[in-house]
């Protein structure tokens, strides 16, 4: 029985190490809470600016069913804005599920970077060339002059103009059928995996001392199930009535710096 307990512990340890290896890189990149259509983490906008933008973005979604979200960040956490942008879009699920009709206007204050991140389904409308022109001609001149609200408002208006002008014929892209399981989900916290690992060690000691008597097998099975559940955590936890519709992103869009 002791031999069985040792084998079970080794299997448990391998499973725990595998989950930790998959969890740590994802957990290292954190995202702000999707608190609304405007998430001003860098504090570049006044209350009036945020309220006006929120109303215009809500009107845009009512007209087109597409979602455009403005987000300002204090930092990109050492990542390229292109990498952070599409992962943020996937984590928030901006745009309709199946249509992937979401857009992010991202401003990173510390790195002085701006990006228009485009969901799969709008890449035919908001092409890389079109978004580059918006950034270079509309947003960056205002940012360089220190007018962040002006740049964000003008950039948002230019993006919305293209989205409203879309007839819907360009949205049926091959990528639109990409399975939604490409979106990231919240992993089991590392601390919880460590606690479960320590529980596994304690269980091994208990089984060894008691000669395998008691509910050792049942408890080990429960711990295995808890670790396996950490592979596909699902909660995003949002604090407002606004939420993404389940859209996905693949890196379409353009970036710039000032």
C-alpha atoms as a PDB file:
ATOM      1  CA  UNK A   1       0.000   0.000   0.000  1.00  0.00           C
ATOM      2  CA  UNK A   2       2.903   2.308   0.802  1.00  0.00           C
ATOM      3  CA  UNK A   3       4.296   1.631  -2.672  1.00  0.00           C
ATOM      4  CA  UNK A   4       0.950   2.659  -4.180  1.00  0.00           C
ATOM      5  CA  UNK A   5       0.972   5.857  -2.142  1.00  0.00           C
ATOM      6  CA  UNK A   6       4.470   6.703  -3.383  1.00  0.00           C
ATOM      7  CA  UNK A   7       3.472   6.095  -7.007  1.00  0.00           C
ATOM      8  CA  UNK A   8       0.379   8.263  -6.553  1.00  0.00           C
ATOM      9  CA  UNK A   9       2.477  11.042  -5.019  1.00  0.00           C
ATOM     10  CA  UNK A  10       4.973  10.999  -7.883  1.00  0.00           C
ATOM     11  CA  UNK A  11       2.121  11.247 -10.386  1.00  0.00           C
ATOM     12  CA  UNK A  12       0.616  14.083  -8.357  1.00  0.00           C
ATOM     13  CA  UNK A  13       3.954  15.932  -8.253  1.00  0.00           C
ATOM     14  CA  UNK A  14       4.391  15.644 -12.023  1.00  0.00           C
ATOM     15  CA  UNK A  15       0.864  16.949 -12.591  1.00  0.00           C
ATOM     16  CA  UNK A  16       1.448  19.880 -10.238  1.00  0.00           C
ATOM     17  CA  UNK A  17       4.706  20.848 -11.950  1.00  0.00           C
ATOM     18  CA  UNK A  18       2.984  20.709 -15.339  1.00  0.00           C
ATOM     19  CA  UNK A  19       0.174  23.009 -14.226  1.00  0.00           C
ATOM     20  CA  UNK A  20       2.595  25.461 -12.592  1.00  0.00           C
ATOM     21  CA  UNK A  21       4.661  25.594 -15.788  1.00  0.00           C
ATOM     22  CA  UNK A  22       1.534  26.458 -17.792  1.00  0.00           C
ATOM     23  CA  UNK A  23       0.186  28.923 -15.231  1.00  0.00           C
ATOM     24  CA  UNK A  24       3.157  31.106 -14.302  1.00  0.00           C
ATOM     25  CA  UNK A  25       3.787  32.740 -17.719  1.00  0.00           C
ATOM     26  CA  UNK A  26       0.092  33.639 -18.070  1.00  0.00           C
ATOM     27  CA  UNK A  27      -0.236  34.892 -14.507  1.00  0.00           C
ATOM     28  CA  UNK A  28       2.786  37.138 -14.998  1.00  0.00           C
ATOM     29  CA  UNK A  29       0.744  39.331 -17.372  1.00  0.00           C
ATOM     30  CA  UNK A  30      -2.146  41.002 -15.559  1.00  0.00           C
ATOM     31  CA  UNK A  31      -5.009  42.965 -17.081  1.00  0.00           C
ATOM     32  CA  UNK A  32      -7.168  45.753 -15.673  1.00  0.00           C
ATOM     33  CA  UNK A  33     -10.798  45.069 -14.878  1.00  0.00           C
ATOM     34  CA  UNK A  34     -13.186  45.770 -17.742  1.00  0.00           C
ATOM     35  CA  UNK A  35     -15.100  48.425 -15.792  1.00  0.00           C
ATOM     36  CA  UNK A  36     -16.788  50.009 -18.816  1.00  0.00           C
ATOM     37  CA  UNK A  37     -16.332  51.105 -22.407  1.00  0.00           C
ATOM     38  CA  UNK A  38     -13.606  53.505 -21.233  1.00  0.00           C
ATOM     39  CA  UNK A  39     -10.950  52.141 -18.867  1.00  0.00           C
ATOM     40  CA  UNK A  40      -8.683  55.062 -18.008  1.00  0.00           C
ATOM     41  CA  UNK A  41      -5.980  53.359 -15.977  1.00  0.00           C
ATOM     42  CA  UNK A  42      -3.402  56.062 -16.739  1.00  0.00           C
ATOM     43  CA  UNK A  43      -5.723  58.917 -15.744  1.00  0.00           C
ATOM     44  CA  UNK A  44      -5.448  60.781 -19.056  1.00  0.00           C
ATOM     45  CA  UNK A  45      -9.123  61.728 -19.256  1.00  0.00           C
ATOM     46  CA  UNK A  46     -11.413  63.876 -17.142  1.00  0.00           C
ATOM     47  CA  UNK A  47     -14.705  62.584 -15.778  1.00  0.00           C
ATOM     48  CA  UNK A  48     -16.513  64.554 -18.472  1.00  0.00           C
ATOM     49  CA  UNK A  49     -14.299  63.073 -21.190  1.00  0.00           C
ATOM     50  CA  UNK A  50     -14.952  59.535 -19.973  1.00  0.00           C
ATOM     51  CA  UNK A  51     -18.685  60.060 -19.753  1.00  0.00           C
ATOM     52  CA  UNK A  52     -18.907  61.595 -23.233  1.00  0.00           C
ATOM     53  CA  UNK A  53     -16.793  58.822 -24.744  1.00  0.00           C
ATOM     54  CA  UNK A  54     -18.837  56.145 -23.006  1.00  0.00           C
ATOM     55  CA  UNK A  55     -22.056  57.553 -24.459  1.00  0.00           C
ATOM     56  CA  UNK A  56     -20.648  57.725 -27.985  1.00  0.00           C
ATOM     57  CA  UNK A  57     -19.283  54.177 -27.775  1.00  0.00           C
ATOM     58  CA  UNK A  58     -22.621  52.890 -26.501  1.00  0.00           C
ATOM     59  CA  UNK A  59     -24.358  54.599 -29.435  1.00  0.00           C
ATOM     60  CA  UNK A  60     -21.845  53.009 -31.806  1.00  0.00           C
ATOM     61  CA  UNK A  61     -22.582  49.529 -30.480  1.00  0.00           C
ATOM     62  CA  UNK A  62     -26.324  50.177 -30.757  1.00  0.00           C
ATOM     63  CA  UNK A  63     -25.906  51.090 -34.432  1.00  0.00           C
ATOM     64  CA  UNK A  64     -23.430  48.414 -35.508  1.00  0.00           C
ATOM     65  CA  UNK A  65     -23.497  45.701 -32.771  1.00  0.00           C
ATOM     66  CA  UNK A  66     -19.689  46.081 -32.767  1.00  0.00           C
ATOM     67  CA  UNK A  67     -17.744  46.979 -29.627  1.00  0.00           C
ATOM     68  CA  UNK A  68     -15.080  49.685 -29.431  1.00  0.00           C
ATOM     69  CA  UNK A  69     -13.314  50.080 -26.080  1.00  0.00           C
ATOM     70  CA  UNK A  70     -10.810  52.766 -25.088  1.00  0.00           C
ATOM     71  CA  UNK A  71      -8.156  51.786 -22.535  1.00  0.00           C
ATOM     72  CA  UNK A  72      -5.223  53.769 -21.156  1.00  0.00           C
ATOM     73  CA  UNK A  73      -2.514  51.913 -19.250  1.00  0.00           C
ATOM     74  CA  UNK A  74       0.183  53.000 -16.835  1.00  0.00           C
ATOM     75  CA  UNK A  75       2.494  50.309 -18.155  1.00  0.00           C
ATOM     76  CA  UNK A  76       2.699  47.416 -20.598  1.00  0.00           C
ATOM     77  CA  UNK A  77       4.513  45.306 -17.971  1.00  0.00           C
ATOM     78  CA  UNK A  78       7.574  45.003 -20.198  1.00  0.00           C
ATOM     79  CA  UNK A  79       5.662  43.535 -23.147  1.00  0.00           C
ATOM     80  CA  UNK A  80       5.408  44.918 -26.702  1.00  0.00           C
ATOM     81  CA  UNK A  81       2.103  46.728 -27.128  1.00  0.00           C
ATOM     82  CA  UNK A  82       1.229  44.348 -29.991  1.00  0.00           C
ATOM     83  CA  UNK A  83       1.528  41.355 -27.650  1.00  0.00           C
ATOM     84  CA  UNK A  84      -0.305  43.007 -24.776  1.00  0.00           C
ATOM     85  CA  UNK A  85      -3.030  44.336 -27.057  1.00  0.00           C
ATOM     86  CA  UNK A  86      -4.332  41.133 -28.595  1.00  0.00           C
ATOM     87  CA  UNK A  87      -4.069  39.277 -25.281  1.00  0.00           C
ATOM     88  CA  UNK A  88      -6.079  42.026 -23.565  1.00  0.00           C
ATOM     89  CA  UNK A  89      -8.725  41.840 -26.287  1.00  0.00           C
ATOM     90  CA  UNK A  90      -8.996  38.071 -25.854  1.00  0.00           C
ATOM     91  CA  UNK A  91      -9.058  38.256 -22.053  1.00  0.00           C
ATOM     92  CA  UNK A  92     -11.877  40.812 -22.136  1.00  0.00           C
ATOM     93  CA  UNK A  93     -13.674  39.112 -25.043  1.00  0.00           C
ATOM     94  CA  UNK A  94     -14.419  42.399 -26.823  1.00  0.00           C
ATOM     95  CA  UNK A  95     -16.797  41.998 -29.781  1.00  0.00           C
ATOM     96  CA  UNK A  96     -19.536  39.514 -30.554  1.00  0.00           C
ATOM     97  CA  UNK A  97     -18.847  35.829 -30.253  1.00  0.00           C
ATOM     98  CA  UNK A  98     -18.571  34.252 -33.684  1.00  0.00           C
ATOM     99  CA  UNK A  99     -18.315  37.641 -35.435  1.00  0.00           C
ATOM    100  CA  UNK A 100     -15.229  38.762 -33.431  1.00  0.00           C
ATOM    101  CA  UNK A 101     -16.311  42.357 -34.042  1.00  0.00           C
ATOM    102  CA  UNK A 102     -14.285  44.156 -31.388  1.00  0.00           C
ATOM    103  CA  UNK A 103     -11.747  47.002 -31.413  1.00  0.00           C
ATOM    104  CA  UNK A 104      -9.450  48.413 -28.743  1.00  0.00           C
ATOM    105  CA  UNK A 105      -7.816  51.838 -28.740  1.00  0.00           C
ATOM    106  CA  UNK A 106      -4.886  51.325 -26.356  1.00  0.00           C
ATOM    107  CA  UNK A 107      -2.696  54.108 -24.970  1.00  0.00           C
ATOM    108  CA  UNK A 108       0.349  53.161 -22.872  1.00  0.00           C
ATOM    109  CA  UNK A 109       1.440  56.315 -21.055  1.00  0.00           C
ATOM    110  CA  UNK A 110       4.813  55.206 -19.664  1.00  0.00           C
ATOM    111  CA  UNK A 111       6.059  53.613 -22.884  1.00  0.00           C
ATOM    112  CA  UNK A 112       4.473  56.391 -25.008  1.00  0.00           C
ATOM    113  CA  UNK A 113       2.838  53.835 -27.283  1.00  0.00           C
ATOM    114  CA  UNK A 114      -0.581  53.735 -28.911  1.00  0.00           C
ATOM    115  CA  UNK A 115      -2.290  50.878 -30.721  1.00  0.00           C
ATOM    116  CA  UNK A 116      -5.551  50.137 -32.499  1.00  0.00           C
ATOM    117  CA  UNK A 117      -6.198  46.425 -31.893  1.00  0.00           C
ATOM    118  CA  UNK A 118      -8.694  44.935 -34.336  1.00  0.00           C
ATOM    119  CA  UNK A 119     -10.736  41.754 -33.881  1.00  0.00           C
ATOM    120  CA  UNK A 120     -10.768  39.068 -36.554  1.00  0.00           C
ATOM    121  CA  UNK A 121     -14.149  40.043 -37.952  1.00  0.00           C
ATOM    122  CA  UNK A 122     -13.294  43.718 -38.547  1.00  0.00           C
ATOM    123  CA  UNK A 123      -9.890  43.261 -40.149  1.00  0.00           C
ATOM    124  CA  UNK A 124     -11.419  43.791 -43.597  1.00  0.00           C
ATOM    125  CA  UNK A 125     -12.862  47.163 -42.504  1.00  0.00           C
ATOM    126  CA  UNK A 126     -10.181  48.457 -40.150  1.00  0.00           C
ATOM    127  CA  UNK A 127      -7.207  47.330 -42.195  1.00  0.00           C
ATOM    128  CA  UNK A 128      -3.640  47.715 -41.006  1.00  0.00           C
ATOM    129  CA  UNK A 129      -3.187  50.562 -43.497  1.00  0.00           C
ATOM    130  CA  UNK A 130      -6.345  52.375 -42.383  1.00  0.00           C
ATOM    131  CA  UNK A 131      -5.537  52.111 -38.679  1.00  0.00           C
ATOM    132  CA  UNK A 132      -1.965  53.263 -39.331  1.00  0.00           C
ATOM    133  CA  UNK A 133      -3.279  56.415 -41.035  1.00  0.00           C
ATOM    134  CA  UNK A 134      -5.579  57.133 -38.096  1.00  0.00           C
ATOM    135  CA  UNK A 135      -2.693  56.789 -35.668  1.00  0.00           C
ATOM    136  CA  UNK A 136      -0.182  58.810 -37.674  1.00  0.00           C
ATOM    137  CA  UNK A 137      -2.479  61.599 -38.901  1.00  0.00           C
ATOM    138  CA  UNK A 138      -5.115  61.907 -36.197  1.00  0.00           C
ATOM    139  CA  UNK A 139      -3.825  60.642 -32.860  1.00  0.00           C
ATOM    140  CA  UNK A 140      -0.066  61.179 -32.700  1.00  0.00           C
ATOM    141  CA  UNK A 141       0.002  64.898 -33.630  1.00  0.00           C
ATOM    142  CA  UNK A 142      -2.300  65.636 -30.690  1.00  0.00           C
ATOM    143  CA  UNK A 143      -0.385  63.364 -28.334  1.00  0.00           C
ATOM    144  CA  UNK A 144       2.891  65.049 -29.248  1.00  0.00           C
ATOM    145  CA  UNK A 145       1.292  68.377 -28.377  1.00  0.00           C
ATOM    146  CA  UNK A 146       0.250  66.991 -24.997  1.00  0.00           C
ATOM    147  CA  UNK A 147      -3.447  66.843 -25.885  1.00  0.00           C
ATOM    148  CA  UNK A 148      -4.300  63.307 -24.833  1.00  0.00           C
ATOM    149  CA  UNK A 149      -8.076  63.795 -24.574  1.00  0.00           C
ATOM    150  CA  UNK A 150      -8.086  65.395 -28.026  1.00  0.00           C
ATOM    151  CA  UNK A 151      -6.066  62.569 -29.541  1.00  0.00           C
ATOM    152  CA  UNK A 152      -8.206  59.864 -27.953  1.00  0.00           C
ATOM    153  CA  UNK A 153     -11.478  61.553 -28.944  1.00  0.00           C
ATOM    154  CA  UNK A 154     -10.354  62.219 -32.521  1.00  0.00           C
ATOM    155  CA  UNK A 155      -8.937  58.712 -32.905  1.00  0.00           C
ATOM    156  CA  UNK A 156     -12.091  57.132 -31.541  1.00  0.00           C
ATOM    157  CA  UNK A 157     -14.244  59.200 -33.894  1.00  0.00           C
ATOM    158  CA  UNK A 158     -12.126  58.178 -36.899  1.00  0.00           C
ATOM    159  CA  UNK A 159     -12.353  54.490 -35.971  1.00  0.00           C
ATOM    160  CA  UNK A 160     -16.107  54.748 -35.418  1.00  0.00           C
ATOM    161  CA  UNK A 161     -16.569  56.417 -38.809  1.00  0.00           C
ATOM    162  CA  UNK A 162     -15.074  53.405 -40.561  1.00  0.00           C
ATOM    163  CA  UNK A 163     -17.075  50.991 -38.442  1.00  0.00           C
ATOM    164  CA  UNK A 164     -20.373  52.734 -39.176  1.00  0.00           C
ATOM    165  CA  UNK A 165     -19.568  52.830 -42.898  1.00  0.00           C
ATOM    166  CA  UNK A 166     -19.084  49.040 -43.016  1.00  0.00           C
ATOM    167  CA  UNK A 167     -21.895  47.232 -44.880  1.00  0.00           C
ATOM    168  CA  UNK A 168     -21.172  43.899 -43.231  1.00  0.00           C
ATOM    169  CA  UNK A 169     -19.879  42.233 -46.410  1.00  0.00           C
ATOM    170  CA  UNK A 170     -16.254  42.441 -45.327  1.00  0.00           C
ATOM    171  CA  UNK A 171     -16.728  40.823 -41.946  1.00  0.00           C
ATOM    172  CA  UNK A 172     -17.035  37.247 -43.127  1.00  0.00           C
ATOM    173  CA  UNK A 173     -13.339  36.473 -42.924  1.00  0.00           C
ATOM    174  CA  UNK A 174     -11.856  32.957 -42.695  1.00  0.00           C
ATOM    175  CA  UNK A 175     -10.613  33.749 -39.206  1.00  0.00           C
ATOM    176  CA  UNK A 176     -14.120  34.515 -37.980  1.00  0.00           C
ATOM    177  CA  UNK A 177     -14.756  30.795 -37.635  1.00  0.00           C
ATOM    178  CA  UNK A 178     -11.760  30.356 -35.350  1.00  0.00           C
ATOM    179  CA  UNK A 179     -12.907  28.361 -32.305  1.00  0.00           C
ATOM    180  CA  UNK A 180     -13.452  30.617 -29.321  1.00  0.00           C
ATOM    181  CA  UNK A 181     -11.371  28.361 -27.101  1.00  0.00           C
ATOM    182  CA  UNK A 182      -8.371  30.378 -28.313  1.00  0.00           C
ATOM    183  CA  UNK A 183      -9.385  33.031 -25.816  1.00  0.00           C
ATOM    184  CA  UNK A 184      -7.473  33.044 -22.575  1.00  0.00           C
ATOM    185  CA  UNK A 185      -9.158  32.067 -19.358  1.00  0.00           C
ATOM    186  CA  UNK A 186      -8.219  32.713 -15.777  1.00  0.00           C
ATOM    187  CA  UNK A 187      -5.811  30.019 -14.505  1.00  0.00           C
ATOM    188  CA  UNK A 188      -5.754  28.527 -11.032  1.00  0.00           C
ATOM    189  CA  UNK A 189      -3.684  30.853  -8.781  1.00  0.00           C
ATOM    190  CA  UNK A 190      -0.114  29.692  -8.204  1.00  0.00           C
ATOM    191  CA  UNK A 191      -0.519  29.965  -4.442  1.00  0.00           C
ATOM    192  CA  UNK A 192      -3.436  27.529  -4.538  1.00  0.00           C
ATOM    193  CA  UNK A 193      -1.400  25.017  -6.543  1.00  0.00           C
ATOM    194  CA  UNK A 194       1.387  25.283  -3.940  1.00  0.00           C
ATOM    195  CA  UNK A 195      -1.096  24.687  -1.113  1.00  0.00           C
ATOM    196  CA  UNK A 196      -2.465  21.630  -2.889  1.00  0.00           C
ATOM    197  CA  UNK A 197       1.089  20.386  -3.402  1.00  0.00           C
ATOM    198  CA  UNK A 198       1.799  20.688   0.322  1.00  0.00           C
ATOM    199  CA  UNK A 199      -1.460  18.873   1.009  1.00  0.00           C
ATOM    200  CA  UNK A 200      -0.237  16.079  -1.255  1.00  0.00           C
ATOM    201  CA  UNK A 201       3.012  15.823   0.722  1.00  0.00           C
ATOM    202  CA  UNK A 202       1.045  15.679   3.964  1.00  0.00           C
ATOM    203  CA  UNK A 203      -1.163  12.966   2.553  1.00  0.00           C
ATOM    204  CA  UNK A 204       1.868  10.904   1.538  1.00  0.00           C
ATOM    205  CA  UNK A 205       3.276  11.149   5.076  1.00  0.00           C
ATOM    206  CA  UNK A 206      -0.089  10.184   6.547  1.00  0.00           C
ATOM    207  CA  UNK A 207      -0.453   7.170   4.269  1.00  0.00           C
ATOM    208  CA  UNK A 208       3.096   6.063   5.046  1.00  0.00           C
ATOM    209  CA  UNK A 209       2.606   6.297   8.821  1.00  0.00           C
ATOM    210  CA  UNK A 210      -0.772   4.543   8.797  1.00  0.00           C
ATOM    211  CA  UNK A 211       0.296   1.887   6.318  1.00  0.00           C
ATOM    212  CA  UNK A 212      -2.216   3.114   3.744  1.00  0.00           C
ATOM    213  CA  UNK A 213      -5.253   2.772   6.015  1.00  0.00           C
ATOM    214  CA  UNK A 214      -7.984   5.377   5.919  1.00  0.00           C
ATOM    215  CA  UNK A 215      -9.352   7.427   3.020  1.00  0.00           C
ATOM    216  CA  UNK A 216      -5.957   7.938   1.350  1.00  0.00           C
ATOM    217  CA  UNK A 217      -7.062   6.903  -2.118  1.00  0.00           C
ATOM    218  CA  UNK A 218     -10.205   9.040  -2.051  1.00  0.00           C
ATOM    219  CA  UNK A 219      -8.386  12.160  -0.849  1.00  0.00           C
ATOM    220  CA  UNK A 220      -5.680  11.715  -3.487  1.00  0.00           C
ATOM    221  CA  UNK A 221      -8.330  11.505  -6.208  1.00  0.00           C
ATOM    222  CA  UNK A 222      -9.922  14.739  -4.963  1.00  0.00           C
ATOM    223  CA  UNK A 223      -6.576  16.531  -5.061  1.00  0.00           C
ATOM    224  CA  UNK A 224      -5.983  15.285  -8.610  1.00  0.00           C
ATOM    225  CA  UNK A 225      -9.353  16.674  -9.685  1.00  0.00           C
ATOM    226  CA  UNK A 226      -8.576  20.063  -8.128  1.00  0.00           C
ATOM    227  CA  UNK A 227      -5.287  20.333 -10.013  1.00  0.00           C
ATOM    228  CA  UNK A 228      -6.921  19.311 -13.295  1.00  0.00           C
ATOM    229  CA  UNK A 229      -9.576  21.992 -12.811  1.00  0.00           C
ATOM    230  CA  UNK A 230      -6.787  24.580 -12.755  1.00  0.00           C
ATOM    231  CA  UNK A 231      -6.147  23.955 -16.451  1.00  0.00           C
ATOM    232  CA  UNK A 232      -9.350  25.619 -17.556  1.00  0.00           C
ATOM    233  CA  UNK A 233     -10.451  28.266 -15.077  1.00  0.00           C
ATOM    234  CA  UNK A 234     -13.231  30.398 -16.482  1.00  0.00           C
ATOM    235  CA  UNK A 235     -14.062  33.428 -14.354  1.00  0.00           C
ATOM    236  CA  UNK A 236     -13.281  36.921 -15.534  1.00  0.00           C
ATOM    237  CA  UNK A 237     -15.029  38.757 -12.733  1.00  0.00           C
ATOM    238  CA  UNK A 238     -16.282  42.126 -13.968  1.00  0.00           C
ATOM    239  CA  UNK A 239     -17.593  44.948 -11.824  1.00  0.00           C
ATOM    240  CA  UNK A 240     -20.024  46.636 -14.228  1.00  0.00           C
ATOM    241  CA  UNK A 241     -22.955  45.845 -16.461  1.00  0.00           C
ATOM    242  CA  UNK A 242     -20.804  46.271 -19.567  1.00  0.00           C
ATOM    243  CA  UNK A 243     -18.936  43.207 -20.752  1.00  0.00           C
ATOM    244  CA  UNK A 244     -17.360  41.795 -23.860  1.00  0.00           C
ATOM    245  CA  UNK A 245     -19.492  39.604 -26.071  1.00  0.00           C
ATOM    246  CA  UNK A 246     -16.976  36.785 -26.486  1.00  0.00           C
ATOM    247  CA  UNK A 247     -14.976  38.062 -29.472  1.00  0.00           C
ATOM    248  CA  UNK A 248     -11.391  37.127 -30.248  1.00  0.00           C
ATOM    249  CA  UNK A 249      -8.301  38.810 -31.638  1.00  0.00           C
ATOM    250  CA  UNK A 250      -5.337  37.664 -33.695  1.00  0.00           C
ATOM    251  CA  UNK A 251      -3.005  40.668 -33.812  1.00  0.00           C
ATOM    252  CA  UNK A 252      -4.633  42.801 -36.519  1.00  0.00           C
ATOM    253  CA  UNK A 253      -4.195  46.559 -36.323  1.00  0.00           C
ATOM    254  CA  UNK A 254      -1.385  49.092 -36.090  1.00  0.00           C
ATOM    255  CA  UNK A 255       0.822  50.783 -33.519  1.00  0.00           C
ATOM    256  CA  UNK A 256       2.680  54.070 -33.122  1.00  0.00           C
ATOM    257  CA  UNK A 257       4.717  56.050 -30.598  1.00  0.00           C
ATOM    258  CA  UNK A 258       5.215  59.687 -29.679  1.00  0.00           C
END
